[in-house]
Amino acid sequence: MTVIRAEKGKVVGYINKLENYNAGEIAKIATDHGLYEEALMIYKYDQHVMAINVLVEHIVSIDRGFDYANKVNRPEVWSRLAKANWMACRFRTLLVCNVLLFLLILNSLSFFFLADS
């Protein structure tokens, strides 16, 4: 755990050498220190939901999440990926709606100002 805090570049090498460790605790510390790939590496062994959470929440990659879900093929992983994908689509839809509303308001304002002339 000291390596995570002090020498981030050496973490992967140490992860590969670890035996009999608390994976959840080490992966959480890695996540807290922005070492998302390293946390993913730790979680992939047996904590698949946590691994997909790192992929969709921190690494922010639905595509890699899809590949991971295909690989482990567990319902709870697919469910988490579906939720993340839905939220991403919802955000994009909301963004598009806000842009369209903004353009509509601008169009209305320009019509108002042009009508006054």
C-alpha atoms as a PDB file:
ATOM      1  CA  MET A   1       0.000   0.000   0.000  1.00  0.00           C
ATOM      2  CA  THR A   2       2.934   2.322   0.597  1.00  0.00           C
ATOM      3  CA  VAL A   3       3.958   1.856  -3.041  1.00  0.00           C
ATOM      4  CA  ILE A   4       0.573   3.154  -4.186  1.00  0.00           C
ATOM      5  CA  ARG A   5       1.101   6.321  -2.228  1.00  0.00           C
ATOM      6  CA  ALA A   6       4.814   6.793  -2.957  1.00  0.00           C
ATOM      7  CA  GLU A   7       5.831   5.139  -6.246  1.00  0.00           C
ATOM      8  CA  LYS A   8       2.845   4.944  -8.564  1.00  0.00           C
ATOM      9  CA  GLY A   9       4.923   3.782 -11.518  1.00  0.00           C
ATOM     10  CA  LYS A  10       5.922   0.553  -9.770  1.00  0.00           C
ATOM     11  CA  VAL A  11       2.440  -0.523  -8.676  1.00  0.00           C
ATOM     12  CA  VAL A  12       1.768  -2.949 -11.547  1.00  0.00           C
ATOM     13  CA  GLY A  13       4.942  -4.881 -10.841  1.00  0.00           C
ATOM     14  CA  TYR A  14       4.045  -5.233  -7.184  1.00  0.00           C
ATOM     15  CA  ILE A  15       0.464  -6.245  -7.943  1.00  0.00           C
ATOM     16  CA  ASN A  16       1.715  -9.149 -10.046  1.00  0.00           C
ATOM     17  CA  LYS A  17       3.867 -10.373  -7.132  1.00  0.00           C
ATOM     18  CA  LEU A  18       1.254 -10.136  -4.364  1.00  0.00           C
ATOM     19  CA  GLU A  19      -0.055 -13.214  -2.572  1.00  0.00           C
ATOM     20  CA  ASN A  20      -2.574 -13.506   0.272  1.00  0.00           C
ATOM     21  CA  TYR A  21      -3.689  -9.887   0.251  1.00  0.00           C
ATOM     22  CA  ASN A  22      -6.951  -8.035   0.711  1.00  0.00           C
ATOM     23  CA  ALA A  23      -7.754  -7.247  -2.917  1.00  0.00           C
ATOM     24  CA  GLY A  24     -10.687  -4.978  -2.115  1.00  0.00           C
ATOM     25  CA  GLU A  25      -8.674  -2.812   0.234  1.00  0.00           C
ATOM     26  CA  ILE A  26      -5.721  -2.429  -2.115  1.00  0.00           C
ATOM     27  CA  ALA A  27      -7.927  -1.777  -5.150  1.00  0.00           C
ATOM     28  CA  LYS A  28      -9.871   0.886  -3.233  1.00  0.00           C
ATOM     29  CA  ILE A  29      -6.633   2.637  -2.277  1.00  0.00           C
ATOM     30  CA  ALA A  30      -5.505   2.450  -5.906  1.00  0.00           C
ATOM     31  CA  THR A  31      -8.816   3.963  -7.033  1.00  0.00           C
ATOM     32  CA  ASP A  32      -8.583   6.694  -4.398  1.00  0.00           C
ATOM     33  CA  HIS A  33      -5.155   7.616  -5.779  1.00  0.00           C
ATOM     34  CA  GLY A  34      -6.281   7.706  -9.414  1.00  0.00           C
ATOM     35  CA  LEU A  35      -4.704   4.366 -10.347  1.00  0.00           C
ATOM     36  CA  TYR A  36      -7.780   3.061 -12.126  1.00  0.00           C
ATOM     37  CA  GLU A  37      -6.067   0.588 -14.451  1.00  0.00           C
ATOM     38  CA  GLU A  38      -4.277  -0.927 -11.464  1.00  0.00           C
ATOM     39  CA  ALA A  39      -7.518  -1.165  -9.487  1.00  0.00           C
ATOM     40  CA  LEU A  40      -9.157  -2.824 -12.481  1.00  0.00           C
ATOM     41  CA  MET A  41      -6.296  -5.297 -12.676  1.00  0.00           C
ATOM     42  CA  ILE A  42      -6.865  -6.280  -9.043  1.00  0.00           C
ATOM     43  CA  TYR A  43     -10.661  -6.465  -9.244  1.00  0.00           C
ATOM     44  CA  LYS A  44     -10.662  -8.556 -12.442  1.00  0.00           C
ATOM     45  CA  TYR A  45      -9.625 -11.689 -10.590  1.00  0.00           C
ATOM     46  CA  ASP A  46     -12.781 -12.205  -8.575  1.00  0.00           C
ATOM     47  CA  GLN A  47     -14.651  -8.950  -7.965  1.00  0.00           C
ATOM     48  CA  HIS A  48     -16.319  -8.511 -11.329  1.00  0.00           C
ATOM     49  CA  VAL A  49     -18.919  -5.926 -10.311  1.00  0.00           C
ATOM     50  CA  MET A  50     -16.212  -3.735  -8.810  1.00  0.00           C
ATOM     51  CA  ALA A  51     -14.174  -4.177 -11.999  1.00  0.00           C
ATOM     52  CA  ILE A  52     -17.053  -3.035 -14.199  1.00  0.00           C
ATOM     53  CA  ASN A  53     -17.642  -0.114 -11.830  1.00  0.00           C
ATOM     54  CA  VAL A  54     -14.035   1.013 -12.324  1.00  0.00           C
ATOM     55  CA  LEU A  55     -14.444   0.704 -16.090  1.00  0.00           C
ATOM     56  CA  VAL A  56     -17.653   2.705 -16.353  1.00  0.00           C
ATOM     57  CA  GLU A  57     -17.245   5.197 -13.497  1.00  0.00           C
ATOM     58  CA  HIS A  58     -13.539   5.995 -13.452  1.00  0.00           C
ATOM     59  CA  ILE A  59     -12.035   4.931 -16.763  1.00  0.00           C
ATOM     60  CA  VAL A  60     -15.348   5.886 -18.412  1.00  0.00           C
ATOM     61  CA  SER A  61     -15.278   3.334 -21.201  1.00  0.00           C
ATOM     62  CA  ILE A  62     -18.542   1.664 -22.149  1.00  0.00           C
ATOM     63  CA  ASP A  63     -16.712  -0.160 -24.970  1.00  0.00           C
ATOM     64  CA  ARG A  64     -14.181  -1.726 -22.613  1.00  0.00           C
ATOM     65  CA  GLY A  65     -17.023  -2.461 -20.209  1.00  0.00           C
ATOM     66  CA  PHE A  66     -18.835  -4.310 -22.996  1.00  0.00           C
ATOM     67  CA  ASP A  67     -15.712  -6.361 -23.757  1.00  0.00           C
ATOM     68  CA  TYR A  68     -15.308  -7.184 -20.068  1.00  0.00           C
ATOM     69  CA  ALA A  69     -18.982  -8.166 -19.705  1.00  0.00           C
ATOM     70  CA  ASN A  70     -18.622 -10.475 -22.707  1.00  0.00           C
ATOM     71  CA  LYS A  71     -15.549 -12.058 -21.151  1.00  0.00           C
ATOM     72  CA  VAL A  72     -16.983 -12.753 -17.677  1.00  0.00           C
ATOM     73  CA  ASN A  73     -20.610 -13.139 -18.829  1.00  0.00           C
ATOM     74  CA  ARG A  74     -22.261 -12.580 -15.451  1.00  0.00           C
ATOM     75  CA  PRO A  75     -25.738 -11.081 -15.073  1.00  0.00           C
ATOM     76  CA  GLU A  76     -24.671  -8.578 -12.405  1.00  0.00           C
ATOM     77  CA  VAL A  77     -21.908  -7.252 -14.697  1.00  0.00           C
ATOM     78  CA  TRP A  78     -24.282  -6.942 -17.643  1.00  0.00           C
ATOM     79  CA  SER A  79     -26.773  -5.175 -15.395  1.00  0.00           C
ATOM     80  CA  ARG A  80     -24.192  -2.612 -14.227  1.00  0.00           C
ATOM     81  CA  LEU A  81     -23.046  -2.039 -17.803  1.00  0.00           C
ATOM     82  CA  ALA A  82     -26.637  -1.552 -18.962  1.00  0.00           C
ATOM     83  CA  LYS A  83     -27.226   1.028 -16.226  1.00  0.00           C
ATOM     84  CA  ALA A  84     -24.040   2.908 -17.160  1.00  0.00           C
ATOM     85  CA  ASN A  85     -24.970   2.843 -20.833  1.00  0.00           C
ATOM     86  CA  TRP A  86     -28.490   4.077 -20.046  1.00  0.00           C
ATOM     87  CA  MET A  87     -27.087   6.931 -17.954  1.00  0.00           C
ATOM     88  CA  ALA A  88     -24.672   7.876 -20.754  1.00  0.00           C
ATOM     89  CA  CYS A  89     -27.509   7.897 -23.294  1.00  0.00           C
ATOM     90  CA  ARG A  90     -29.695   9.853 -20.917  1.00  0.00           C
ATOM     91  CA  PHE A  91     -26.949  12.441 -20.457  1.00  0.00           C
ATOM     92  CA  ARG A  92     -26.434  12.743 -24.234  1.00  0.00           C
ATOM     93  CA  THR A  93     -30.178  13.068 -24.778  1.00  0.00           C
ATOM     94  CA  LEU A  94     -30.431  15.710 -22.071  1.00  0.00           C
ATOM     95  CA  LEU A  95     -27.513  17.579 -23.604  1.00  0.00           C
ATOM     96  CA  VAL A  96     -29.090  17.501 -27.072  1.00  0.00           C
ATOM     97  CA  CYS A  97     -32.432  18.663 -25.663  1.00  0.00           C
ATOM     98  CA  ASN A  98     -30.763  21.561 -23.854  1.00  0.00           C
ATOM     99  CA  VAL A  99     -28.901  22.606 -26.994  1.00  0.00           C
ATOM    100  CA  LEU A 100     -32.109  22.479 -29.017  1.00  0.00           C
ATOM    101  CA  LEU A 101     -33.939  24.487 -26.365  1.00  0.00           C
ATOM    102  CA  PHE A 102     -31.141  27.057 -26.371  1.00  0.00           C
ATOM    103  CA  LEU A 103     -31.317  27.336 -30.166  1.00  0.00           C
ATOM    104  CA  LEU A 104     -35.082  27.686 -30.007  1.00  0.00           C
ATOM    105  CA  ILE A 105     -34.775  30.488 -27.453  1.00  0.00           C
ATOM    106  CA  LEU A 106     -32.141  32.232 -29.576  1.00  0.00           C
ATOM    107  CA  ASN A 107     -34.366  31.911 -32.614  1.00  0.00           C
ATOM    108  CA  SER A 108     -37.314  33.351 -30.678  1.00  0.00           C
ATOM    109  CA  LEU A 109     -35.222  36.243 -29.397  1.00  0.00           C
ATOM    110  CA  SER A 110     -33.868  37.052 -32.837  1.00  0.00           C
ATOM    111  CA  PHE A 111     -37.426  37.001 -34.224  1.00  0.00           C
ATOM    112  CA  PHE A 112     -38.520  39.336 -31.413  1.00  0.00           C
ATOM    113  CA  PHE A 113     -35.695  41.803 -32.092  1.00  0.00           C
ATOM    114  CA  LEU A 114     -36.120  41.640 -35.870  1.00  0.00           C
ATOM    115  CA  ALA A 115     -39.869  42.216 -35.573  1.00  0.00           C
ATOM    116  CA  ASP A 116     -39.220  45.421 -33.611  1.00  0.00           C
ATOM    117  CA  SER A 117     -37.103  46.975 -36.380  1.00  0.00           C
END
